[in-house]
C-alpha atoms as a PDB file:
ATOM      1  CA  VAL A   1       3.726   7.868 -15.391  1.00  0.00           C
ATOM      2  CA  SER A   2       5.288   4.366 -15.033  1.00  0.00           C
ATOM      3  CA  ALA A   3       8.727   5.326 -14.510  1.00  0.00           C
ATOM      4  CA  VAL A   4      11.438   8.068 -13.440  1.00  0.00           C
ATOM      5  CA  CYS A   5      14.837   9.684 -12.615  1.00  0.00           C
ATOM      6  CA  ILE A   6      15.178  11.612  -9.686  1.00  0.00           C
ATOM      7  CA  LEU A   7      17.820  14.105  -9.730  1.00  0.00           C
ATOM      8  CA  GLU A   8      19.364  16.052  -6.728  1.00  0.00           C
ATOM      9  CA  LYS A   9      22.218  18.723  -7.056  1.00  0.00           C
ATOM     10  CA  GLY A  10      23.192  17.036 -10.315  1.00  0.00           C
ATOM     11  CA  ARG A  11      23.530  13.277  -9.312  1.00  0.00           C
ATOM     12  CA  VAL A  12      20.823  10.376  -9.985  1.00  0.00           C
ATOM     13  CA  LEU A  13      19.518   9.450  -6.846  1.00  0.00           C
ATOM     14  CA  ALA A  14      17.210   6.673  -8.094  1.00  0.00           C
ATOM     15  CA  SER A  15      15.397   5.554 -11.635  1.00  0.00           C
ATOM     16  CA  GLY A  16      13.135   2.967 -12.714  1.00  0.00           C
ATOM     17  CA  PRO A  17       9.455   2.090 -12.207  1.00  0.00           C
ATOM     18  CA  VAL A  18       7.692   4.172  -9.779  1.00  0.00           C
ATOM     19  CA  ASP A  19       6.602   1.138  -8.093  1.00  0.00           C
ATOM     20  CA  ARG A  20       9.906  -0.668  -7.751  1.00  0.00           C
ATOM     21  CA  ILE A  21      11.546   2.614  -6.248  1.00  0.00           C
ATOM     22  CA  GLY A  22       8.816   2.850  -3.673  1.00  0.00           C
ATOM     23  CA  GLN A  23       9.662  -0.879  -2.734  1.00  0.00           C
ATOM     24  CA  GLN A  24      13.088  -0.109  -2.545  1.00  0.00           C
ATOM     25  CA  LEU A  25      12.953   2.682  -0.422  1.00  0.00           C
ATOM     26  CA  ARG A  26      11.148   0.964   2.216  1.00  0.00           C
ATOM     27  CA  PRO A  27      12.717  -2.722   2.523  1.00  0.00           C
ATOM     28  CA  GLU A  28      11.588  -3.027   6.315  1.00  0.00           C
ATOM     29  CA  GLN A  29       8.203  -1.044   5.262  1.00  0.00           C
ATOM     30  CA  LYS A  30       8.508   1.469   8.159  1.00  0.00           C
ATOM     31  CA  VAL A  31       5.946   3.302   5.840  1.00  0.00           C
ATOM     32  CA  ALA A  32       2.433   1.586   5.443  1.00  0.00           C
ATOM     33  CA  ARG A  33       1.267   0.651   1.917  1.00  0.00           C
ATOM     34  CA  ALA A  34      -2.001   0.244   1.256  1.00  0.00           C
ATOM     35  CA  VAL A  35      -4.425  -2.291  -0.701  1.00  0.00           C
ATOM     36  CA  LYS A  36      -8.118  -1.751  -1.945  1.00  0.00           C
ATOM     37  CA  VAL A  37     -10.180  -4.505  -1.193  1.00  0.00           C
ATOM     38  CA  ARG A  38     -13.599  -4.898  -2.789  1.00  0.00           C
ATOM     39  CA  LEU A  39     -16.183  -7.284  -1.116  1.00  0.00           C
ATOM     40  CA  LEU A  40     -19.313  -8.334  -2.866  1.00  0.00           C
ATOM     41  CA  SER A  41     -20.990  -7.169   0.448  1.00  0.00           C
ATOM     42  CA  TYR A  42     -20.145  -5.290   3.528  1.00  0.00           C
ATOM     43  CA  PRO A  43     -21.975  -6.614   6.741  1.00  0.00           C
ATOM     44  CA  GLU A  44     -21.687  -5.054   9.917  1.00  0.00           C
ATOM     45  CA  GLY A  45     -18.057  -5.436  11.422  1.00  0.00           C
ATOM     46  CA  CYS A  46     -16.240  -6.679   7.978  1.00  0.00           C
ATOM     47  CA  ASP A  47     -13.438  -4.896   8.903  1.00  0.00           C
ATOM     48  CA  ALA A  48     -12.745  -6.534  12.088  1.00  0.00           C
ATOM     49  CA  PRO A  49     -11.140  -9.807  10.556  1.00  0.00           C
ATOM     50  CA  PHE A  50      -8.200  -7.159   9.281  1.00  0.00           C
ATOM     51  CA  ARG A  51      -7.820  -5.001  12.298  1.00  0.00           C
ATOM     52  CA  GLU A  52      -6.537  -8.275  14.105  1.00  0.00           C
ATOM     53  CA  LEU A  53      -3.313  -8.578  11.521  1.00  0.00           C
ATOM     54  CA  PRO A  54      -0.861  -6.955  13.385  1.00  0.00           C
ATOM     55  CA  GLU A  55       1.015  -5.734  10.290  1.00  0.00           C
ATOM     56  CA  VAL A  56      -2.855  -4.038   9.511  1.00  0.00           C
ATOM     57  CA  ALA A  57      -2.070   0.164  10.442  1.00  0.00           C
ATOM     58  CA  HIS A  58      -5.569   0.872   9.161  1.00  0.00           C
ATOM     59  CA  VAL A  59      -8.804  -0.058   8.005  1.00  0.00           C
ATOM     60  CA  GLU A  60     -11.591   2.439   6.371  1.00  0.00           C
ATOM     61  CA  ARG A  61     -14.296   2.302   3.938  1.00  0.00           C
ATOM     62  CA  GLY A  62     -13.039   4.355   0.793  1.00  0.00           C
ATOM     63  CA  PRO A  63     -15.451   6.923  -1.293  1.00  0.00           C
ATOM     64  CA  ASP A  64     -15.255   4.418  -4.098  1.00  0.00           C
ATOM     65  CA  GLY A  65     -17.021   1.434  -2.163  1.00  0.00           C
ATOM     66  CA  PHE A  66     -13.574  -0.264  -1.368  1.00  0.00           C
ATOM     67  CA  LEU A  67     -11.988  -1.077   1.846  1.00  0.00           C
ATOM     68  CA  ARG A  68      -8.643   0.580   2.195  1.00  0.00           C
ATOM     69  CA  ILE A  69      -6.244  -1.395   4.198  1.00  0.00           C
ATOM     70  CA  ALA A  70      -3.098   0.237   5.195  1.00  0.00           C
ATOM     71  CA  TYR A  71      -0.303  -2.563   6.187  1.00  0.00           C
ATOM     72  CA  HIS A  72       3.444  -2.968   6.838  1.00  0.00           C
ATOM     73  CA  GLY A  73       5.015  -5.852   4.543  1.00  0.00           C
ATOM     74  CA  GLY A  74       5.026  -7.279   1.434  1.00  0.00           C
ATOM     75  CA  ASP A  75       3.082 -10.022  -0.713  1.00  0.00           C
ATOM     76  CA  GLU A  76       2.763 -12.018   2.306  1.00  0.00           C
ATOM     77  CA  THR A  77       1.036  -9.800   4.225  1.00  0.00           C
ATOM     78  CA  VAL A  78      -1.369  -8.966   1.227  1.00  0.00           C
ATOM     79  CA  ALA A  79      -2.001 -12.970   1.171  1.00  0.00           C
ATOM     80  CA  ALA A  80      -3.316 -13.130   4.907  1.00  0.00           C
ATOM     81  CA  ILE A  81      -5.294 -10.025   4.284  1.00  0.00           C
ATOM     82  CA  VAL A  82      -7.228 -12.156   1.598  1.00  0.00           C
ATOM     83  CA  ALA A  83      -6.759 -15.161   3.485  1.00  0.00           C
ATOM     84  CA  ARG A  84      -8.385 -13.480   6.657  1.00  0.00           C
ATOM     85  CA  ALA A  85     -11.286 -12.379   4.738  1.00  0.00           C
ATOM     86  CA  VAL A  86     -11.916 -15.399   3.230  1.00  0.00           C
ATOM     87  CA  GLY A  87     -11.550 -17.284   6.526  1.00  0.00           C
ATOM     88  CA  ALA A  88     -14.040 -14.521   7.682  1.00  0.00           C
ATOM     89  CA  GLY A  89     -16.654 -15.862   5.195  1.00  0.00           C
ATOM     90  CA  LEU A  90     -16.546 -12.389   3.377  1.00  0.00           C
ATOM     91  CA  LYS A  91     -16.506 -12.686  -0.621  1.00  0.00           C
ATOM     92  CA  VAL A  92     -13.642 -11.078  -2.311  1.00  0.00           C
ATOM     93  CA  VAL A  93     -14.294  -9.594  -5.629  1.00  0.00           C
ATOM     94  CA  ARG A  94     -11.282  -8.001  -5.945  1.00  0.00           C
ATOM     95  CA  VAL A  95      -7.960  -6.883  -4.777  1.00  0.00           C
ATOM     96  CA  GLU A  96      -5.993  -3.802  -6.089  1.00  0.00           C
ATOM     97  CA  PRO A  97      -2.741  -2.397  -4.665  1.00  0.00           C
ATOM     98  CA  GLU A  98      -2.618   1.354  -3.925  1.00  0.00           C
ATOM     99  CA  ARG A  99      -0.014   2.835  -5.954  1.00  0.00           C
ATOM    100  CA  ASP A 100       2.597   4.763  -4.525  1.00  0.00           C
ATOM    101  CA  ASP A 101       2.639   8.773  -4.901  1.00  0.00           C
ATOM    102  CA  LEU A 102       5.213   9.769  -7.028  1.00  0.00           C
ATOM    103  CA  GLU A 103       5.338  13.066  -4.876  1.00  0.00           C
ATOM    104  CA  GLN A 104       6.273  11.021  -1.439  1.00  0.00           C
ATOM    105  CA  ILE A 105       8.785   8.871  -3.401  1.00  0.00           C
ATOM    106  CA  PHE A 106      10.427  12.096  -4.543  1.00  0.00           C
ATOM    107  CA  LEU A 107      10.409  13.537  -0.991  1.00  0.00           C
ATOM    108  CA  GLU A 108      11.428  10.196   0.357  1.00  0.00           C
ATOM    109  CA  VAL A 109      14.559  10.046  -1.868  1.00  0.00           C
ATOM    110  CA  THR A 110      15.532  13.737  -1.634  1.00  0.00           C
ATOM    111  CA  ARG A 111      15.189  13.730   2.005  1.00  0.00           C
ATOM    112  CA  GLY A 112      12.918  16.484   1.639  1.00  0.00           C
ATOM    113  CA  GLU A 113      16.603  18.854   0.959  1.00  0.00           C
ATOM    114  CA  LEU A 114      16.365  21.481  -2.074  1.00  0.00           C
ATOM    115  CA  GLN A 115      19.574  22.960  -3.631  1.00  0.00           C
END
């Protein structure tokens, strides 16, 4: 699904691409976004440089081998994450934003209210 229209009680609350709706909902990024970072190798403590960034809320190693980094902010924060990796001598192979979950966006738009 790339675009949606969210209705509640006969009113259109939001419509458009899922990612754009997610960004509009959280301009101050109270809810963390996440990016997946694949490194050429994962030396001991490779997550430490990311944990030092104040915008980073959580770092974990996913089952798919990526580092999943939850953060508050936008593209500037992603650029800071990549710069921190390179500055620490880590070899970044891939950076992939985690897509917004449609169910979570629906609940945020409707505030969980049901008809």
